Amino acid sequence: MERLGSSRTEQARLVERAKIVLGCLAGERNDQIAARMKLQGEYGSDVAKRFMEEGHRGVT
């Protein structure tokens, strides 16, 4: 996740998802992640939920 979250060559949506997961793993709340990354709606919490349920496959 860390490699993907800091990548400059991967697809932007994958990098964004990795950053969301890394924030969750660091203990940030969903609203904090959304504000920091300027996300709208429930996108961040949806990504985090998929990661918790499916692991890496749920994010990529």
PDB file of N, CA and C in Angstrom:
ATOM      1  N   MET A   1       0.818  -1.177   0.000  1.00  0.00           N
ATOM      2  CA  MET A   1       0.000   0.000   0.000  1.00  0.00           C
ATOM      3  C   MET A   1       0.870   1.253   0.000  1.00  0.00           C
ATOM      4  N   GLU A   2       1.940   1.228   0.777  1.00  0.00           N
ATOM      5  CA  GLU A   2       2.789   2.412   0.831  1.00  0.00           C
ATOM      6  C   GLU A   2       3.417   2.711  -0.523  1.00  0.00           C
ATOM      7  N   ARG A   3       3.874   1.678  -1.209  1.00  0.00           N
ATOM      8  CA  ARG A   3       4.460   1.867  -2.534  1.00  0.00           C
ATOM      9  C   ARG A   3       3.415   2.412  -3.495  1.00  0.00           C
ATOM     10  N   LEU A   4       2.255   1.842  -3.463  1.00  0.00           N
ATOM     11  CA  LEU A   4       1.181   2.275  -4.345  1.00  0.00           C
ATOM     12  C   LEU A   4       0.731   3.696  -3.999  1.00  0.00           C
ATOM     13  N   GLY A   5       0.658   4.010  -2.718  1.00  0.00           N
ATOM     14  CA  GLY A   5       0.213   5.326  -2.289  1.00  0.00           C
ATOM     15  C   GLY A   5       1.168   6.453  -2.657  1.00  0.00           C
ATOM     16  N   SER A   6       2.430   6.108  -2.879  1.00  0.00           N
ATOM     17  CA  SER A   6       3.401   7.148  -3.234  1.00  0.00           C
ATOM     18  C   SER A   6       3.829   7.077  -4.701  1.00  0.00           C
ATOM     19  N   SER A   7       3.206   6.206  -5.465  1.00  0.00           N
ATOM     20  CA  SER A   7       3.575   6.022  -6.866  1.00  0.00           C
ATOM     21  C   SER A   7       3.219   7.240  -7.721  1.00  0.00           C
ATOM     22  N   ARG A   8       4.080   7.516  -8.671  1.00  0.00           N
ATOM     23  CA  ARG A   8       3.802   8.574  -9.643  1.00  0.00           C
ATOM     24  C   ARG A   8       3.481   7.991 -11.016  1.00  0.00           C
ATOM     25  N   THR A   9       3.522   6.657 -11.116  1.00  0.00           N
ATOM     26  CA  THR A   9       3.286   6.032 -12.414  1.00  0.00           C
ATOM     27  C   THR A   9       2.015   5.189 -12.458  1.00  0.00           C
ATOM     28  N   GLU A  10       1.462   4.818 -11.303  1.00  0.00           N
ATOM     29  CA  GLU A  10       0.224   4.038 -11.269  1.00  0.00           C
ATOM     30  C   GLU A  10      -0.963   4.940 -11.604  1.00  0.00           C
ATOM     31  N   GLN A  11      -2.089   4.318 -11.911  1.00  0.00           N
ATOM     32  CA  GLN A  11      -3.313   5.073 -12.187  1.00  0.00           C
ATOM     33  C   GLN A  11      -3.695   5.901 -10.964  1.00  0.00           C
ATOM     34  N   ALA A  12      -4.146   7.113 -11.199  1.00  0.00           N
ATOM     35  CA  ALA A  12      -4.465   8.040 -10.113  1.00  0.00           C
ATOM     36  C   ALA A  12      -5.506   7.468  -9.154  1.00  0.00           C
ATOM     37  N   ARG A  13      -6.486   6.749  -9.669  1.00  0.00           N
ATOM     38  CA  ARG A  13      -7.539   6.217  -8.785  1.00  0.00           C
ATOM     39  C   ARG A  13      -6.984   5.153  -7.844  1.00  0.00           C
ATOM     40  N   LEU A  14      -5.993   4.363  -8.298  1.00  0.00           N
ATOM     41  CA  LEU A  14      -5.382   3.361  -7.427  1.00  0.00           C
ATOM     42  C   LEU A  14      -4.539   4.024  -6.341  1.00  0.00           C
ATOM     43  N   VAL A  15      -3.823   5.066  -6.717  1.00  0.00           N
ATOM     44  CA  VAL A  15      -3.014   5.807  -5.743  1.00  0.00           C
ATOM     45  C   VAL A  15      -3.928   6.428  -4.690  1.00  0.00           C
ATOM     46  N   GLU A  16      -5.034   7.011  -5.132  1.00  0.00           N
ATOM     47  CA  GLU A  16      -5.979   7.624  -4.206  1.00  0.00           C
ATOM     48  C   GLU A  16      -6.553   6.585  -3.245  1.00  0.00           C
ATOM     49  N   ARG A  17      -6.937   5.442  -3.753  1.00  0.00           N
ATOM     50  CA  ARG A  17      -7.480   4.378  -2.897  1.00  0.00           C
ATOM     51  C   ARG A  17      -6.450   3.923  -1.876  1.00  0.00           C
ATOM     52  N   ALA A  18      -5.196   3.778  -2.319  1.00  0.00           N
ATOM     53  CA  ALA A  18      -4.133   3.360  -1.402  1.00  0.00           C
ATOM     54  C   ALA A  18      -3.947   4.394  -0.298  1.00  0.00           C
ATOM     55  N   LYS A  19      -4.013   5.668  -0.624  1.00  0.00           N
ATOM     56  CA  LYS A  19      -3.871   6.723   0.384  1.00  0.00           C
ATOM     57  C   LYS A  19      -5.013   6.685   1.386  1.00  0.00           C
ATOM     58  N   ILE A  20      -6.205   6.370   0.930  1.00  0.00           N
ATOM     59  CA  ILE A  20      -7.350   6.236   1.829  1.00  0.00           C
ATOM     60  C   ILE A  20      -7.108   5.095   2.813  1.00  0.00           C
ATOM     61  N   VAL A  21      -6.685   3.951   2.292  1.00  0.00           N
ATOM     62  CA  VAL A  21      -6.425   2.784   3.141  1.00  0.00           C
ATOM     63  C   VAL A  21      -5.309   3.092   4.137  1.00  0.00           C
ATOM     64  N   LEU A  22      -4.243   3.722   3.681  1.00  0.00           N
ATOM     65  CA  LEU A  22      -3.136   4.061   4.580  1.00  0.00           C
ATOM     66  C   LEU A  22      -3.603   4.993   5.699  1.00  0.00           C
ATOM     67  N   GLY A  23      -4.476   5.925   5.366  1.00  0.00           N
ATOM     68  CA  GLY A  23      -5.029   6.798   6.395  1.00  0.00           C
ATOM     69  C   GLY A  23      -5.822   6.014   7.423  1.00  0.00           C
ATOM     70  N   CYS A  24      -6.628   5.079   6.965  1.00  0.00           N
ATOM     71  CA  CYS A  24      -7.416   4.236   7.874  1.00  0.00           C
ATOM     72  C   CYS A  24      -6.510   3.406   8.774  1.00  0.00           C
ATOM     73  N   LEU A  25      -5.484   2.823   8.175  1.00  0.00           N
ATOM     74  CA  LEU A  25      -4.556   2.002   8.944  1.00  0.00           C
ATOM     75  C   LEU A  25      -3.779   2.831   9.969  1.00  0.00           C
ATOM     76  N   ALA A  26      -3.606   4.117   9.697  1.00  0.00           N
ATOM     77  CA  ALA A  26      -2.903   5.018  10.615  1.00  0.00           C
ATOM     78  C   ALA A  26      -3.828   5.525  11.723  1.00  0.00           C
ATOM     79  N   GLY A  27      -5.109   5.153  11.660  1.00  0.00           N
ATOM     80  CA  GLY A  27      -6.044   5.534  12.708  1.00  0.00           C
ATOM     81  C   GLY A  27      -6.844   6.789  12.426  1.00  0.00           C
ATOM     82  N   GLU A  28      -6.744   7.326  11.219  1.00  0.00           N
ATOM     83  CA  GLU A  28      -7.543   8.507  10.877  1.00  0.00           C
ATOM     84  C   GLU A  28      -9.002   8.118  10.716  1.00  0.00           C
ATOM     85  N   ARG A  29      -9.883   9.024  11.096  1.00  0.00           N
ATOM     86  CA  ARG A  29     -11.312   8.803  10.878  1.00  0.00           C
ATOM     87  C   ARG A  29     -11.643   9.104   9.422  1.00  0.00           C
ATOM     88  N   ASN A  30     -12.738   8.532   8.955  1.00  0.00           N
ATOM     89  CA  ASN A  30     -13.160   8.732   7.567  1.00  0.00           C
ATOM     90  C   ASN A  30     -13.357  10.201   7.228  1.00  0.00           C
ATOM     91  N   ASP A  31     -13.940  10.966   8.150  1.00  0.00           N
ATOM     92  CA  ASP A  31     -14.165  12.384   7.865  1.00  0.00           C
ATOM     93  C   ASP A  31     -12.849  13.157   7.779  1.00  0.00           C
ATOM     94  N   GLN A  32     -11.851  12.750   8.546  1.00  0.00           N
ATOM     95  CA  GLN A  32     -10.540  13.390   8.478  1.00  0.00           C
ATOM     96  C   GLN A  32      -9.862  13.106   7.143  1.00  0.00           C
ATOM     97  N   ILE A  33      -9.947  11.858   6.716  1.00  0.00           N
ATOM     98  CA  ILE A  33      -9.352  11.472   5.429  1.00  0.00           C
ATOM     99  C   ILE A  33     -10.039  12.223   4.299  1.00  0.00           C
ATOM    100  N   ALA A  34     -11.362  12.263   4.337  1.00  0.00           N
ATOM    101  CA  ALA A  34     -12.124  12.951   3.290  1.00  0.00           C
ATOM    102  C   ALA A  34     -11.746  14.423   3.211  1.00  0.00           C
ATOM    103  N   ALA A  35     -11.602  15.077   4.364  1.00  0.00           N
ATOM    104  CA  ALA A  35     -11.240  16.494   4.368  1.00  0.00           C
ATOM    105  C   ALA A  35      -9.819  16.696   3.841  1.00  0.00           C
ATOM    106  N   ARG A  36      -8.885  15.860   4.286  1.00  0.00           N
ATOM    107  CA  ARG A  36      -7.494  15.991   3.864  1.00  0.00           C
ATOM    108  C   ARG A  36      -7.336  15.773   2.370  1.00  0.00           C
ATOM    109  N   MET A  37      -8.077  14.814   1.841  1.00  0.00           N
ATOM    110  CA  MET A  37      -7.936  14.461   0.423  1.00  0.00           C
ATOM    111  C   MET A  37      -8.978  15.162  -0.457  1.00  0.00           C
ATOM    112  N   LYS A  38      -9.825  15.971   0.160  1.00  0.00           N
ATOM    113  CA  LYS A  38     -10.876  16.691  -0.568  1.00  0.00           C
ATOM    114  C   LYS A  38     -11.797  15.728  -1.331  1.00  0.00           C
ATOM    115  N   LEU A  39     -12.235  14.693  -0.640  1.00  0.00           N
ATOM    116  CA  LEU A  39     -13.139  13.704  -1.218  1.00  0.00           C
ATOM    117  C   LEU A  39     -14.575  14.118  -0.946  1.00  0.00           C
ATOM    118  N   GLN A  40     -15.456  13.756  -1.837  1.00  0.00           N
ATOM    119  CA  GLN A  40     -16.863  14.071  -1.653  1.00  0.00           C
ATOM    120  C   GLN A  40     -17.649  12.788  -1.480  1.00  0.00           C
ATOM    121  N   GLY A  41     -18.746  12.900  -0.779  1.00  0.00           N
ATOM    122  CA  GLY A  41     -19.623  11.759  -0.588  1.00  0.00           C
ATOM    123  C   GLY A  41     -19.004  10.707   0.307  1.00  0.00           C
ATOM    124  N   GLU A  42     -19.410   9.485   0.093  1.00  0.00           N
ATOM    125  CA  GLU A  42     -18.982   8.361   0.918  1.00  0.00           C
ATOM    126  C   GLU A  42     -17.853   7.549   0.266  1.00  0.00           C
ATOM    127  N   TYR A  43     -17.200   8.104  -0.736  1.00  0.00           N
ATOM    128  CA  TYR A  43     -16.173   7.361  -1.479  1.00  0.00           C
ATOM    129  C   TYR A  43     -15.097   6.799  -0.559  1.00  0.00           C
ATOM    130  N   GLY A  44     -14.570   7.617   0.331  1.00  0.00           N
ATOM    131  CA  GLY A  44     -13.496   7.175   1.223  1.00  0.00           C
ATOM    132  C   GLY A  44     -13.926   6.032   2.117  1.00  0.00           C
ATOM    133  N   SER A  45     -15.108   6.143   2.703  1.00  0.00           N
ATOM    134  CA  SER A  45     -15.572   5.074   3.585  1.00  0.00           C
ATOM    135  C   SER A  45     -15.905   3.812   2.803  1.00  0.00           C
ATOM    136  N   ASP A  46     -16.355   3.961   1.557  1.00  0.00           N
ATOM    137  CA  ASP A  46     -16.610   2.786   0.717  1.00  0.00           C
ATOM    138  C   ASP A  46     -15.316   2.035   0.425  1.00  0.00           C
ATOM    139  N   VAL A  47     -14.261   2.773   0.122  1.00  0.00           N
ATOM    140  CA  VAL A  47     -12.956   2.154  -0.155  1.00  0.00           C
ATOM    141  C   VAL A  47     -12.442   1.459   1.101  1.00  0.00           C
ATOM    142  N   ALA A  48     -12.530   2.123   2.238  1.00  0.00           N
ATOM    143  CA  ALA A  48     -12.064   1.541   3.484  1.00  0.00           C
ATOM    144  C   ALA A  48     -12.841   0.271   3.821  1.00  0.00           C
ATOM    145  N   LYS A  49     -14.140   0.291   3.614  1.00  0.00           N
ATOM    146  CA  LYS A  49     -14.978  -0.881   3.895  1.00  0.00           C
ATOM    147  C   LYS A  49     -14.582  -2.054   2.995  1.00  0.00           C
ATOM    148  N   ARG A  50     -14.382  -1.778   1.690  1.00  0.00           N
ATOM    149  CA  ARG A  50     -13.962  -2.846   0.778  1.00  0.00           C
ATOM    150  C   ARG A  50     -12.625  -3.427   1.192  1.00  0.00           C
ATOM    151  N   PHE A  51     -11.700  -2.571   1.634  1.00  0.00           N
ATOM    152  CA  PHE A  51     -10.400  -3.062   2.068  1.00  0.00           C
ATOM    153  C   PHE A  51     -10.540  -3.968   3.287  1.00  0.00           C
ATOM    154  N   MET A  52     -11.366  -3.566   4.242  1.00  0.00           N
ATOM    155  CA  MET A  52     -11.559  -4.375   5.447  1.00  0.00           C
ATOM    156  C   MET A  52     -12.204  -5.717   5.126  1.00  0.00           C
ATOM    157  N   GLU A  53     -13.093  -5.741   4.146  1.00  0.00           N
ATOM    158  CA  GLU A  53     -13.792  -6.969   3.789  1.00  0.00           C
ATOM    159  C   GLU A  53     -12.980  -7.874   2.866  1.00  0.00           C
ATOM    160  N   GLU A  54     -12.258  -7.261   1.904  1.00  0.00           N
ATOM    161  CA  GLU A  54     -11.626  -8.047   0.852  1.00  0.00           C
ATOM    162  C   GLU A  54     -10.101  -7.942   0.812  1.00  0.00           C
ATOM    163  N   GLY A  55      -9.546  -7.074   1.642  1.00  0.00           N
ATOM    164  CA  GLY A  55      -8.105  -6.885   1.640  1.00  0.00           C
ATOM    165  C   GLY A  55      -7.652  -6.150   0.381  1.00  0.00           C
ATOM    166  N   HIS A  56      -6.457  -6.432  -0.025  1.00  0.00           N
ATOM    167  CA  HIS A  56      -5.833  -5.748  -1.165  1.00  0.00           C
ATOM    168  C   HIS A  56      -6.696  -5.832  -2.436  1.00  0.00           C
ATOM    169  N   ARG A  57      -7.342  -6.962  -2.635  1.00  0.00           N
ATOM    170  CA  ARG A  57      -8.176  -7.138  -3.836  1.00  0.00           C
ATOM    171  C   ARG A  57      -9.343  -6.158  -3.902  1.00  0.00           C
ATOM    172  N   GLY A  58      -9.834  -5.734  -2.752  1.00  0.00           N
ATOM    173  CA  GLY A  58     -10.953  -4.816  -2.712  1.00  0.00           C
ATOM    174  C   GLY A  58     -10.579  -3.393  -3.104  1.00  0.00           C
ATOM    175  N   VAL A  59      -9.293  -3.117  -3.141  1.00  0.00           N
ATOM    176  CA  VAL A  59      -8.821  -1.767  -3.430  1.00  0.00           C
ATOM    177  C   VAL A  59      -8.332  -1.658  -4.857  1.00  0.00           C
ATOM    178  N   THR A  60      -7.728  -2.683  -5.377  1.00  0.00           N
ATOM    179  CA  THR A  60      -7.142  -2.614  -6.719  1.00  0.00           C
ATOM    180  C   THR A  60      -8.084  -3.092  -7.793  1.00  0.00           C
TER     181      THR A  60
END
